Amino acid sequence: PADIGVQVPAPVHCMADWQKMEYWGIPENRLPEGCEVLFKPASAWDQYLWQFAVAFAVILAQLLLIGTLMYGRRRLAKAQLALQNELALRKQVEKDASRLQARLTRFARERSLGVLSTTIVHEVSQPLIAIQNYAQAARRRLGGSSDDTARILELLDKIQGQSERAGAITQRVRSLINNRDAEIMSISVVKLISEVVAALQPDCEALGCHIHFRHDGELPLAMADALQIQLVLVNLLTNALRSIKRRGGSGRVITIDAELLDTGEVQVSVADQGVGISPEQEQHLFEPLYSGGRSGMGVGLAICLDIVDLHGGRIWHQPNPGGGAIFRFTLRSSQP
């Protein structure tokens, strides 16, 4: 009938069974466009998407960590290389500085001793030569056999012996000036001091003073050049005698102490009861050519400082509580 409307058919929705397609060997691209495939199993990507995402994130994090570690390792290697170069450079600089310091020290020593060389050697050698000549001439003239003559001959022998000994000291001063090596050997400090005291005893008695020598009973041998250390002692004792002479009076005592320190060094002290040393003088005490009004003390103490330094020891001054001055110096002991 005419009143029955025409019904438009619903659009056909294509659906296909994936299992049947697999059975009949129908590929999916043969299906119409928009056809829905049913019962198709999910792909591995779709099935394990979040696992892949986690694994990718872990791998990415590991790559970032490895990259960071490799970068840090390269920086550490560069830093270590730079540090090694800096340490090598610092060692070289320290070595150069030490070498320069040694050269400066040697230059200062050569300068201080070089200024004194001509005066010391000339002024000391000439009187010694004259003493030797006079002593030999007197021996030739006094050839008799009387007791007085024998006594005179004995005194002349002492004069000649002391002049030869002083001449040896002069040669040792010359060797210091020429930078020759000291003849370091094991010596008895007690014996050495006793010899110097015996040589200066007449000068001490002439001033009405006395030298008192004290020492440890079992003092070990010291490593030193005997003539150079004798020169140090002669300088210190001569300065002490001059100081006592300036102060005047009688009954003065010069005390010499020799002892073994806990450090294993042998320490020698010379204490006088003279005029002492002012703080102003003490600042320049060991400088060459500085006398401070003490009749050439600076010359002798400058040489003493050089000698003690060459022996690896120390020399210093301190006031004497009883008035006067105390000079101390140390030497290496021969004990291991």
C-alpha atoms as a PDB file:
ATOM      1  CA  PRO A   1       0.000   0.000   0.000  1.00  0.00           C
ATOM      2  CA  ALA A   2       0.966   3.550  -0.570  1.00  0.00           C
ATOM      3  CA  ASP A   3       0.982   4.554   3.047  1.00  0.00           C
ATOM      4  CA  ILE A   4       3.758   2.149   3.895  1.00  0.00           C
ATOM      5  CA  GLY A   5       6.983   4.114   3.946  1.00  0.00           C
ATOM      6  CA  VAL A   6      10.177   2.968   2.505  1.00  0.00           C
ATOM      7  CA  GLN A   7      12.589   1.950   5.209  1.00  0.00           C
ATOM      8  CA  VAL A   8      16.223   2.658   4.548  1.00  0.00           C
ATOM      9  CA  PRO A   9      18.287  -0.363   5.450  1.00  0.00           C
ATOM     10  CA  ALA A  10      20.830   0.108   8.182  1.00  0.00           C
ATOM     11  CA  PRO A  11      24.390   0.309   6.984  1.00  0.00           C
ATOM     12  CA  VAL A  12      26.058  -3.032   6.833  1.00  0.00           C
ATOM     13  CA  HIS A  13      28.771  -3.463   9.483  1.00  0.00           C
ATOM     14  CA  CYS A  14      31.463  -5.833   8.256  1.00  0.00           C
ATOM     15  CA  MET A  15      32.779  -8.284  10.792  1.00  0.00           C
ATOM     16  CA  ALA A  16      35.178 -11.134  10.243  1.00  0.00           C
ATOM     17  CA  ASP A  17      36.393 -13.981  12.414  1.00  0.00           C
ATOM     18  CA  TRP A  18      40.155 -13.875  12.665  1.00  0.00           C
ATOM     19  CA  GLN A  19      40.374 -17.593  13.418  1.00  0.00           C
ATOM     20  CA  LYS A  20      38.378 -18.459  10.251  1.00  0.00           C
ATOM     21  CA  MET A  21      40.514 -16.100   8.231  1.00  0.00           C
ATOM     22  CA  GLU A  22      43.597 -17.872   9.499  1.00  0.00           C
ATOM     23  CA  TYR A  23      41.994 -21.230   8.680  1.00  0.00           C
ATOM     24  CA  TRP A  24      41.099 -20.238   5.114  1.00  0.00           C
ATOM     25  CA  GLY A  25      44.273 -18.251   4.617  1.00  0.00           C
ATOM     26  CA  ILE A  26      42.527 -14.950   3.978  1.00  0.00           C
ATOM     27  CA  PRO A  27      44.877 -12.029   4.632  1.00  0.00           C
ATOM     28  CA  GLU A  28      43.514  -9.047   6.526  1.00  0.00           C
ATOM     29  CA  ASN A  29      44.193  -6.631   3.673  1.00  0.00           C
ATOM     30  CA  ARG A  30      41.623  -8.465   1.540  1.00  0.00           C
ATOM     31  CA  LEU A  31      38.823  -7.358   3.861  1.00  0.00           C
ATOM     32  CA  PRO A  32      36.715  -4.323   3.053  1.00  0.00           C
ATOM     33  CA  GLU A  33      37.762  -1.033   4.534  1.00  0.00           C
ATOM     34  CA  GLY A  34      36.484  -0.608   8.061  1.00  0.00           C
ATOM     35  CA  CYS A  35      35.856  -4.280   8.555  1.00  0.00           C
ATOM     36  CA  GLU A  36      36.118  -5.326  12.181  1.00  0.00           C
ATOM     37  CA  VAL A  37      38.193  -8.413  12.870  1.00  0.00           C
ATOM     38  CA  LEU A  38      36.949 -10.394  15.828  1.00  0.00           C
ATOM     39  CA  PHE A  39      38.839 -12.763  18.109  1.00  0.00           C
ATOM     40  CA  LYS A  40      42.174 -11.381  16.947  1.00  0.00           C
ATOM     41  CA  PRO A  41      44.849 -11.904  19.671  1.00  0.00           C
ATOM     42  CA  ALA A  42      46.571  -8.751  20.970  1.00  0.00           C
ATOM     43  CA  SER A  43      50.175  -8.042  19.772  1.00  0.00           C
ATOM     44  CA  ALA A  44      53.141  -8.260  22.099  1.00  0.00           C
ATOM     45  CA  TRP A  45      53.475  -4.493  22.000  1.00  0.00           C
ATOM     46  CA  ASP A  46      49.876  -3.983  23.025  1.00  0.00           C
ATOM     47  CA  GLN A  47      50.027  -6.775  25.574  1.00  0.00           C
ATOM     48  CA  TYR A  48      53.261  -5.684  27.288  1.00  0.00           C
ATOM     49  CA  LEU A  49      53.245  -1.948  26.635  1.00  0.00           C
ATOM     50  CA  TRP A  50      53.860  -0.836  30.224  1.00  0.00           C
ATOM     51  CA  GLN A  51      56.636  -3.427  30.662  1.00  0.00           C
ATOM     52  CA  PHE A  52      58.315  -2.062  27.535  1.00  0.00           C
ATOM     53  CA  ALA A  53      57.897   1.449  28.858  1.00  0.00           C
ATOM     54  CA  VAL A  54      59.479   0.537  32.212  1.00  0.00           C
ATOM     55  CA  ALA A  55      62.343  -1.324  30.521  1.00  0.00           C
ATOM     56  CA  PHE A  56      62.952   1.619  28.197  1.00  0.00           C
ATOM     57  CA  ALA A  57      62.972   4.019  31.142  1.00  0.00           C
ATOM     58  CA  VAL A  58      65.435   1.794  33.029  1.00  0.00           C
ATOM     59  CA  ILE A  59      67.713   1.501  29.998  1.00  0.00           C
ATOM     60  CA  LEU A  60      67.554   5.254  29.464  1.00  0.00           C
ATOM     61  CA  ALA A  61      68.386   5.873  33.122  1.00  0.00           C
ATOM     62  CA  GLN A  62      71.313   3.449  32.912  1.00  0.00           C
ATOM     63  CA  LEU A  63      72.588   5.154  29.780  1.00  0.00           C
ATOM     64  CA  LEU A  64      72.354   8.528  31.502  1.00  0.00           C
ATOM     65  CA  LEU A  65      74.132   7.133  34.579  1.00  0.00           C
ATOM     66  CA  ILE A  66      76.866   5.525  32.459  1.00  0.00           C
ATOM     67  CA  GLY A  67      77.300   8.748  30.530  1.00  0.00           C
ATOM     68  CA  THR A  68      77.511  10.741  33.757  1.00  0.00           C
ATOM     69  CA  LEU A  69      80.046   8.311  35.221  1.00  0.00           C
ATOM     70  CA  MET A  70      82.165   8.371  32.068  1.00  0.00           C
ATOM     71  CA  TYR A  71      82.069  12.157  32.033  1.00  0.00           C
ATOM     72  CA  GLY A  72      83.002  12.264  35.702  1.00  0.00           C
ATOM     73  CA  ARG A  73      85.785   9.754  35.105  1.00  0.00           C
ATOM     74  CA  ARG A  74      87.216  11.896  32.332  1.00  0.00           C
ATOM     75  CA  ARG A  75      87.041  14.957  34.554  1.00  0.00           C
ATOM     76  CA  LEU A  76      88.664  13.018  37.410  1.00  0.00           C
ATOM     77  CA  ALA A  77      91.439  11.815  35.088  1.00  0.00           C
ATOM     78  CA  LYS A  78      92.004  15.381  33.915  1.00  0.00           C
ATOM     79  CA  ALA A  79      92.014  16.612  37.523  1.00  0.00           C
ATOM     80  CA  GLN A  80      94.485  13.898  38.563  1.00  0.00           C
ATOM     81  CA  LEU A  81      96.734  14.734  35.628  1.00  0.00           C
ATOM     82  CA  ALA A  82      96.536  18.421  36.477  1.00  0.00           C
ATOM     83  CA  LEU A  83      97.292  17.626  40.130  1.00  0.00           C
ATOM     84  CA  GLN A  84     100.281  15.469  39.158  1.00  0.00           C
ATOM     85  CA  ASN A  85     101.559  18.233  36.912  1.00  0.00           C
ATOM     86  CA  GLU A  86     101.057  20.756  39.687  1.00  0.00           C
ATOM     87  CA  LEU A  87     102.853  18.538  42.217  1.00  0.00           C
ATOM     88  CA  ALA A  88     105.711  17.970  39.790  1.00  0.00           C
ATOM     89  CA  LEU A  89     105.871  21.692  39.124  1.00  0.00           C
ATOM     90  CA  ARG A  90     105.770  22.433  42.848  1.00  0.00           C
ATOM     91  CA  LYS A  91     108.572  19.949  43.520  1.00  0.00           C
ATOM     92  CA  GLN A  92     110.607  21.507  40.752  1.00  0.00           C
ATOM     93  CA  VAL A  93     109.917  24.984  42.123  1.00  0.00           C
ATOM     94  CA  GLU A  94     110.880  23.839  45.631  1.00  0.00           C
ATOM     95  CA  LYS A  95     114.033  22.236  44.253  1.00  0.00           C
ATOM     96  CA  ASP A  96     114.886  25.401  42.333  1.00  0.00           C
ATOM     97  CA  ALA A  97     114.111  27.511  45.401  1.00  0.00           C
ATOM     98  CA  SER A  98     116.290  25.270  47.573  1.00  0.00           C
ATOM     99  CA  ARG A  99     119.088  25.452  45.025  1.00  0.00           C
ATOM    100  CA  LEU A 100     118.704  29.232  44.844  1.00  0.00           C
ATOM    101  CA  GLN A 101     118.655  29.487  48.636  1.00  0.00           C
ATOM    102  CA  ALA A 102     121.833  27.431  48.820  1.00  0.00           C
ATOM    103  CA  ARG A 103     123.451  29.686  46.237  1.00  0.00           C
ATOM    104  CA  LEU A 104     122.310  32.788  48.115  1.00  0.00           C
ATOM    105  CA  THR A 105     123.588  31.364  51.389  1.00  0.00           C
ATOM    106  CA  ARG A 106     126.893  30.480  49.803  1.00  0.00           C
ATOM    107  CA  PHE A 107     127.074  33.901  48.179  1.00  0.00           C
ATOM    108  CA  ALA A 108     126.381  35.617  51.503  1.00  0.00           C
ATOM    109  CA  ARG A 109     128.973  33.423  53.194  1.00  0.00           C
ATOM    110  CA  GLU A 110     131.541  34.076  50.485  1.00  0.00           C
ATOM    111  CA  ARG A 111     130.816  37.767  50.684  1.00  0.00           C
ATOM    112  CA  SER A 112     131.103  37.963  54.461  1.00  0.00           C
ATOM    113  CA  LEU A 113     134.223  35.808  54.577  1.00  0.00           C
ATOM    114  CA  GLY A 114     135.665  37.315  51.415  1.00  0.00           C
ATOM    115  CA  VAL A 115     135.563  40.768  52.957  1.00  0.00           C
ATOM    116  CA  LEU A 116     137.536  39.436  55.914  1.00  0.00           C
ATOM    117  CA  SER A 117     139.914  37.143  54.048  1.00  0.00           C
ATOM    118  CA  THR A 118     142.698  39.557  53.137  1.00  0.00           C
ATOM    119  CA  THR A 119     142.717  41.304  56.510  1.00  0.00           C
ATOM    120  CA  ILE A 120     142.594  38.131  58.615  1.00  0.00           C
ATOM    121  CA  VAL A 121     145.194  36.171  56.708  1.00  0.00           C
ATOM    122  CA  HIS A 122     147.574  39.117  56.327  1.00  0.00           C
ATOM    123  CA  GLU A 123     147.240  40.514  59.842  1.00  0.00           C
ATOM    124  CA  VAL A 124     147.512  37.117  61.533  1.00  0.00           C
ATOM    125  CA  SER A 125     150.112  35.470  59.319  1.00  0.00           C
ATOM    126  CA  GLN A 126     152.712  38.231  59.532  1.00  0.00           C
ATOM    127  CA  PRO A 127     153.048  38.246  63.358  1.00  0.00           C
ATOM    128  CA  LEU A 128     153.110  34.439  63.400  1.00  0.00           C
ATOM    129  CA  ILE A 129     155.942  34.376  60.888  1.00  0.00           C
ATOM    130  CA  ALA A 130     157.818  36.944  62.972  1.00  0.00           C
ATOM    131  CA  ILE A 131     157.264  34.904  66.156  1.00  0.00           C
ATOM    132  CA  GLN A 132     158.625  31.789  64.491  1.00  0.00           C
ATOM    133  CA  ASN A 133     161.655  33.669  63.178  1.00  0.00           C
ATOM    134  CA  TYR A 134     162.386  35.258  66.581  1.00  0.00           C
ATOM    135  CA  ALA A 135     161.963  31.902  68.367  1.00  0.00           C
ATOM    136  CA  GLN A 136     164.337  30.135  65.983  1.00  0.00           C
ATOM    137  CA  ALA A 137     166.903  32.949  66.243  1.00  0.00           C
ATOM    138  CA  ALA A 138     166.723  32.876  70.041  1.00  0.00           C
ATOM    139  CA  ARG A 139     167.275  29.123  70.053  1.00  0.00           C
ATOM    140  CA  ARG A 140     170.414  29.555  67.984  1.00  0.00           C
ATOM    141  CA  ARG A 141     171.764  32.270  70.310  1.00  0.00           C
ATOM    142  CA  LEU A 142     170.851  30.481  73.535  1.00  0.00           C
ATOM    143  CA  GLY A 143     172.796  27.279  73.040  1.00  0.00           C
ATOM    144  CA  GLY A 144     174.154  27.014  76.583  1.00  0.00           C
ATOM    145  CA  SER A 145     173.264  24.359  79.138  1.00  0.00           C
ATOM    146  CA  SER A 146     172.420  26.381  82.267  1.00  0.00           C
ATOM    147  CA  ASP A 147     169.115  25.952  84.039  1.00  0.00           C
ATOM    148  CA  ASP A 148     167.989  29.427  82.969  1.00  0.00           C
ATOM    149  CA  THR A 149     168.894  28.678  79.412  1.00  0.00           C
ATOM    150  CA  ALA A 150     166.980  25.395  79.537  1.00  0.00           C
ATOM    151  CA  ARG A 151     163.949  27.233  80.885  1.00  0.00           C
ATOM    152  CA  ILE A 152     164.212  29.827  78.133  1.00  0.00           C
ATOM    153  CA  LEU A 153     164.522  27.096  75.539  1.00  0.00           C
ATOM    154  CA  GLU A 154     161.430  25.433  76.977  1.00  0.00           C
ATOM    155  CA  LEU A 155     159.478  28.678  76.757  1.00  0.00           C
ATOM    156  CA  LEU A 156     160.685  29.260  73.226  1.00  0.00           C
ATOM    157  CA  ASP A 157     159.526  25.776  72.309  1.00  0.00           C
ATOM    158  CA  LYS A 158     156.089  26.683  73.633  1.00  0.00           C
ATOM    159  CA  ILE A 159     156.127  29.926  71.665  1.00  0.00           C
ATOM    160  CA  GLN A 160     157.002  28.104  68.504  1.00  0.00           C
ATOM    161  CA  GLY A 161     154.414  25.390  69.140  1.00  0.00           C
ATOM    162  CA  GLN A 162     151.665  27.921  69.776  1.00  0.00           C
ATOM    163  CA  SER A 163     152.627  29.932  66.703  1.00  0.00           C
ATOM    164  CA  GLU A 164     152.515  26.808  64.550  1.00  0.00           C
ATOM    165  CA  ARG A 165     149.161  25.910  66.039  1.00  0.00           C
ATOM    166  CA  ALA A 166     147.832  29.408  65.371  1.00  0.00           C
ATOM    167  CA  GLY A 167     149.205  29.140  61.867  1.00  0.00           C
ATOM    168  CA  ALA A 168     147.210  25.947  61.362  1.00  0.00           C
ATOM    169  CA  ILE A 169     144.102  27.783  62.544  1.00  0.00           C
ATOM    170  CA  THR A 170     144.870  30.533  60.036  1.00  0.00           C
ATOM    171  CA  GLN A 171     145.071  27.947  57.282  1.00  0.00           C
ATOM    172  CA  ARG A 172     141.735  26.565  58.427  1.00  0.00           C
ATOM    173  CA  VAL A 173     140.241  30.064  58.169  1.00  0.00           C
ATOM    174  CA  ARG A 174     141.686  30.273  54.665  1.00  0.00           C
ATOM    175  CA  SER A 175     140.029  26.944  53.801  1.00  0.00           C
ATOM    176  CA  LEU A 176     136.722  28.296  55.085  1.00  0.00           C
ATOM    177  CA  ILE A 177     137.101  31.335  52.847  1.00  0.00           C
ATOM    178  CA  ASN A 178     137.926  29.131  49.866  1.00  0.00           C
ATOM    179  CA  ASN A 179     134.894  26.891  50.613  1.00  0.00           C
ATOM    180  CA  ARG A 180     136.927  23.748  51.132  1.00  0.00           C
ATOM    181  CA  ASP A 181     135.364  20.822  52.931  1.00  0.00           C
ATOM    182  CA  ALA A 182     135.930  20.530  56.653  1.00  0.00           C
ATOM    183  CA  GLU A 183     137.869  17.499  57.917  1.00  0.00           C
ATOM    184  CA  ILE A 184     135.023  16.020  59.944  1.00  0.00           C
ATOM    185  CA  MET A 185     136.011  13.204  62.283  1.00  0.00           C
ATOM    186  CA  SER A 186     135.304  11.919  65.780  1.00  0.00           C
ATOM    187  CA  ILE A 187     136.971  14.221  68.313  1.00  0.00           C
ATOM    188  CA  SER A 188     137.044  14.503  72.092  1.00  0.00           C
ATOM    189  CA  VAL A 189     135.372  17.771  73.010  1.00  0.00           C
ATOM    190  CA  VAL A 190     136.823  17.573  76.522  1.00  0.00           C
ATOM    191  CA  LYS A 191     140.381  17.246  75.218  1.00  0.00           C
ATOM    192  CA  LEU A 192     139.877  19.997  72.667  1.00  0.00           C
ATOM    193  CA  ILE A 193     138.504  22.445  75.244  1.00  0.00           C
ATOM    194  CA  SER A 194     141.297  21.594  77.670  1.00  0.00           C
ATOM    195  CA  GLU A 195     143.908  22.443  75.030  1.00  0.00           C
ATOM    196  CA  VAL A 196     142.282  25.797  74.263  1.00  0.00           C
ATOM    197  CA  VAL A 197     141.971  26.631  77.980  1.00  0.00           C
ATOM    198  CA  ALA A 198     145.658  25.815  78.510  1.00  0.00           C
ATOM    199  CA  ALA A 199     146.629  28.085  75.619  1.00  0.00           C
ATOM    200  CA  LEU A 200     144.586  31.043  76.925  1.00  0.00           C
ATOM    201  CA  GLN A 201     145.290  30.538  80.630  1.00  0.00           C
ATOM    202  CA  PRO A 202     148.175  33.074  80.712  1.00  0.00           C
ATOM    203  CA  ASP A 203     145.932  35.809  79.269  1.00  0.00           C
ATOM    204  CA  CYS A 204     143.259  34.932  81.787  1.00  0.00           C
ATOM    205  CA  GLU A 205     145.667  35.051  84.727  1.00  0.00           C
ATOM    206  CA  ALA A 206     146.961  38.422  83.549  1.00  0.00           C
ATOM    207  CA  LEU A 207     143.438  39.817  83.962  1.00  0.00           C
ATOM    208  CA  GLY A 208     143.017  38.233  87.379  1.00  0.00           C
ATOM    209  CA  CYS A 209     140.285  35.849  86.275  1.00  0.00           C
ATOM    210  CA  HIS A 210     139.922  32.087  86.195  1.00  0.00           C
ATOM    211  CA  ILE A 211     138.553  29.590  83.639  1.00  0.00           C
ATOM    212  CA  HIS A 212     136.399  26.873  85.177  1.00  0.00           C
ATOM    213  CA  PHE A 213     135.714  23.883  82.906  1.00  0.00           C
ATOM    214  CA  ARG A 214     132.863  21.521  83.764  1.00  0.00           C
ATOM    215  CA  HIS A 215     131.769  18.513  81.733  1.00  0.00           C
ATOM    216  CA  ASP A 216     129.820  15.273  81.894  1.00  0.00           C
ATOM    217  CA  GLY A 217     131.959  12.342  82.928  1.00  0.00           C
ATOM    218  CA  GLU A 218     131.039  10.153  79.948  1.00  0.00           C
ATOM    219  CA  LEU A 219     130.663  12.779  77.250  1.00  0.00           C
ATOM    220  CA  PRO A 220     130.575  11.071  73.822  1.00  0.00           C
ATOM    221  CA  LEU A 221     132.822  12.040  70.953  1.00  0.00           C
ATOM    222  CA  ALA A 222     131.588  14.710  68.577  1.00  0.00           C
ATOM    223  CA  MET A 223     131.714  14.832  64.788  1.00  0.00           C
ATOM    224  CA  ALA A 224     133.712  17.965  63.966  1.00  0.00           C
ATOM    225  CA  ASP A 225     136.808  19.523  62.468  1.00  0.00           C
ATOM    226  CA  ALA A 226     139.074  20.000  65.493  1.00  0.00           C
ATOM    227  CA  LEU A 227     140.867  23.118  64.230  1.00  0.00           C
ATOM    228  CA  GLN A 228     137.645  24.847  63.225  1.00  0.00           C
ATOM    229  CA  ILE A 229     135.995  24.180  66.586  1.00  0.00           C
ATOM    230  CA  GLN A 230     139.172  25.362  68.331  1.00  0.00           C
ATOM    231  CA  LEU A 231     138.814  28.577  66.356  1.00  0.00           C
ATOM    232  CA  VAL A 232     135.236  28.936  67.629  1.00  0.00           C
ATOM    233  CA  LEU A 233     136.331  28.379  71.232  1.00  0.00           C
ATOM    234  CA  VAL A 234     139.260  30.801  70.909  1.00  0.00           C
ATOM    235  CA  ASN A 235     136.896  33.470  69.574  1.00  0.00           C
ATOM    236  CA  LEU A 236     134.337  32.953  72.345  1.00  0.00           C
ATOM    237  CA  LEU A 237     136.956  32.896  75.114  1.00  0.00           C
ATOM    238  CA  THR A 238     138.780  35.922  73.685  1.00  0.00           C
ATOM    239  CA  ASN A 239     135.503  37.850  73.605  1.00  0.00           C
ATOM    240  CA  ALA A 240     134.817  36.785  77.197  1.00  0.00           C
ATOM    241  CA  LEU A 241     138.260  38.028  78.289  1.00  0.00           C
ATOM    242  CA  ARG A 242     137.700  41.364  76.542  1.00  0.00           C
ATOM    243  CA  SER A 243     134.317  41.752  78.198  1.00  0.00           C
ATOM    244  CA  ILE A 244     135.795  41.000  81.635  1.00  0.00           C
ATOM    245  CA  LYS A 245     138.621  43.460  80.998  1.00  0.00           C
ATOM    246  CA  ARG A 246     136.121  46.215  80.155  1.00  0.00           C
ATOM    247  CA  ARG A 247     134.163  45.571  83.334  1.00  0.00           C
ATOM    248  CA  GLY A 248     137.276  45.544  85.485  1.00  0.00           C
ATOM    249  CA  GLY A 249     137.785  44.027  88.895  1.00  0.00           C
ATOM    250  CA  SER A 250     139.368  40.712  89.862  1.00  0.00           C
ATOM    251  CA  GLY A 251     138.156  37.268  90.781  1.00  0.00           C
ATOM    252  CA  ARG A 252     136.043  36.984  87.664  1.00  0.00           C
ATOM    253  CA  VAL A 253     135.280  33.490  86.384  1.00  0.00           C
ATOM    254  CA  ILE A 254     134.713  32.193  82.860  1.00  0.00           C
ATOM    255  CA  THR A 255     132.720  28.971  83.022  1.00  0.00           C
ATOM    256  CA  ILE A 256     132.816  26.425  80.211  1.00  0.00           C
ATOM    257  CA  ASP A 257     130.236  23.626  80.244  1.00  0.00           C
ATOM    258  CA  ALA A 258     130.154  20.595  77.938  1.00  0.00           C
ATOM    259  CA  GLU A 259     127.142  18.308  78.152  1.00  0.00           C
ATOM    260  CA  LEU A 260     125.082  15.820  76.164  1.00  0.00           C
ATOM    261  CA  LEU A 261     121.568  16.995  75.295  1.00  0.00           C
ATOM    262  CA  ASP A 262     118.485  14.803  75.032  1.00  0.00           C
ATOM    263  CA  THR A 263     118.602  15.385  71.267  1.00  0.00           C
ATOM    264  CA  GLY A 264     121.917  13.510  71.119  1.00  0.00           C
ATOM    265  CA  GLU A 265     123.893  16.688  70.442  1.00  0.00           C
ATOM    266  CA  VAL A 266     126.932  17.854  72.390  1.00  0.00           C
ATOM    267  CA  GLN A 267     126.426  21.376  73.729  1.00  0.00           C
ATOM    268  CA  VAL A 268     129.279  23.683  74.719  1.00  0.00           C
ATOM    269  CA  SER A 269     128.600  26.850  76.736  1.00  0.00           C
ATOM    270  CA  VAL A 270     130.951  29.747  77.497  1.00  0.00           C
ATOM    271  CA  ALA A 271     129.679  32.040  80.278  1.00  0.00           C
ATOM    272  CA  ASP A 272     131.509  35.183  81.401  1.00  0.00           C
ATOM    273  CA  GLN A 273     130.972  37.835  84.074  1.00  0.00           C
ATOM    274  CA  GLY A 274     131.766  40.777  81.827  1.00  0.00           C
ATOM    275  CA  VAL A 275     129.802  43.810  80.697  1.00  0.00           C
ATOM    276  CA  GLY A 276     127.221  41.730  78.850  1.00  0.00           C
ATOM    277  CA  ILE A 277     125.475  42.474  75.560  1.00  0.00           C
ATOM    278  CA  SER A 278     122.678  44.990  75.105  1.00  0.00           C
ATOM    279  CA  PRO A 279     119.467  44.101  73.195  1.00  0.00           C
ATOM    280  CA  GLU A 280     120.533  46.471  70.415  1.00  0.00           C
ATOM    281  CA  GLN A 281     123.889  44.715  70.074  1.00  0.00           C
ATOM    282  CA  GLU A 282     122.222  41.293  70.165  1.00  0.00           C
ATOM    283  CA  GLN A 283     120.204  42.060  67.017  1.00  0.00           C
ATOM    284  CA  HIS A 284     123.417  42.401  64.967  1.00  0.00           C
ATOM    285  CA  LEU A 285     125.623  40.094  67.012  1.00  0.00           C
ATOM    286  CA  PHE A 286     126.502  37.577  64.288  1.00  0.00           C
ATOM    287  CA  GLU A 287     126.703  40.044  61.392  1.00  0.00           C
ATOM    288  CA  PRO A 288     130.110  40.440  59.681  1.00  0.00           C
ATOM    289  CA  LEU A 289     132.079  43.585  60.515  1.00  0.00           C
ATOM    290  CA  TYR A 290     129.736  44.504  63.375  1.00  0.00           C
ATOM    291  CA  SER A 291     131.618  45.216  66.583  1.00  0.00           C
ATOM    292  CA  GLY A 292     129.127  47.144  68.676  1.00  0.00           C
ATOM    293  CA  GLY A 293     132.044  48.692  70.538  1.00  0.00           C
ATOM    294  CA  ARG A 294     133.381  45.281  71.630  1.00  0.00           C
ATOM    295  CA  SER A 295     136.639  45.421  69.704  1.00  0.00           C
ATOM    296  CA  GLY A 296     135.890  43.267  66.694  1.00  0.00           C
ATOM    297  CA  MET A 297     133.533  40.786  68.279  1.00  0.00           C
ATOM    298  CA  GLY A 298     131.337  40.811  65.152  1.00  0.00           C
ATOM    299  CA  VAL A 299     134.190  39.520  63.016  1.00  0.00           C
ATOM    300  CA  GLY A 300     134.837  36.536  65.276  1.00  0.00           C
ATOM    301  CA  LEU A 301     131.179  35.685  65.846  1.00  0.00           C
ATOM    302  CA  ALA A 302     130.394  35.849  62.122  1.00  0.00           C
ATOM    303  CA  ILE A 303     133.117  33.268  61.511  1.00  0.00           C
ATOM    304  CA  CYS A 304     131.866  31.183  64.454  1.00  0.00           C
ATOM    305  CA  LEU A 305     128.375  31.182  62.962  1.00  0.00           C
ATOM    306  CA  ASP A 306     129.702  30.000  59.592  1.00  0.00           C
ATOM    307  CA  ILE A 307     131.766  27.233  61.188  1.00  0.00           C
ATOM    308  CA  VAL A 308     128.944  25.935  63.386  1.00  0.00           C
ATOM    309  CA  ASP A 309     126.539  26.054  60.434  1.00  0.00           C
ATOM    310  CA  LEU A 310     128.971  23.980  58.376  1.00  0.00           C
ATOM    311  CA  HIS A 311     128.935  21.386  61.164  1.00  0.00           C
ATOM    312  CA  GLY A 312     125.131  21.236  61.179  1.00  0.00           C
ATOM    313  CA  GLY A 313     124.919  22.814  64.639  1.00  0.00           C
ATOM    314  CA  ARG A 314     123.506  25.979  66.203  1.00  0.00           C
ATOM    315  CA  ILE A 315     125.077  28.911  68.024  1.00  0.00           C
ATOM    316  CA  TRP A 316     123.243  31.529  70.045  1.00  0.00           C
ATOM    317  CA  HIS A 317     123.578  34.024  72.886  1.00  0.00           C
ATOM    318  CA  GLN A 318     121.664  34.549  76.084  1.00  0.00           C
ATOM    319  CA  PRO A 319     122.236  36.881  79.033  1.00  0.00           C
ATOM    320  CA  ASN A 320     124.052  35.538  82.071  1.00  0.00           C
ATOM    321  CA  PRO A 321     121.762  35.828  85.115  1.00  0.00           C
ATOM    322  CA  GLY A 322     124.823  36.717  87.213  1.00  0.00           C
ATOM    323  CA  GLY A 323     125.903  39.425  84.774  1.00  0.00           C
ATOM    324  CA  GLY A 324     127.736  39.039  81.496  1.00  0.00           C
ATOM    325  CA  ALA A 325     126.948  36.822  78.539  1.00  0.00           C
ATOM    326  CA  ILE A 326     126.556  33.131  77.714  1.00  0.00           C
ATOM    327  CA  PHE A 327     127.290  31.730  74.264  1.00  0.00           C
ATOM    328  CA  ARG A 328     126.208  28.206  73.433  1.00  0.00           C
ATOM    329  CA  PHE A 329     126.780  26.037  70.380  1.00  0.00           C
ATOM    330  CA  THR A 330     125.976  22.438  69.510  1.00  0.00           C
ATOM    331  CA  LEU A 331     127.770  19.675  67.617  1.00  0.00           C
ATOM    332  CA  ARG A 332     126.572  16.337  66.322  1.00  0.00           C
ATOM    333  CA  SER A 333     127.476  13.397  68.517  1.00  0.00           C
ATOM    334  CA  SER A 334     129.276  10.400  67.036  1.00  0.00           C
ATOM    335  CA  GLN A 335     126.769   8.118  68.756  1.00  0.00           C
ATOM    336  CA  PRO A 336     124.193   6.586  66.349  1.00  0.00           C
END
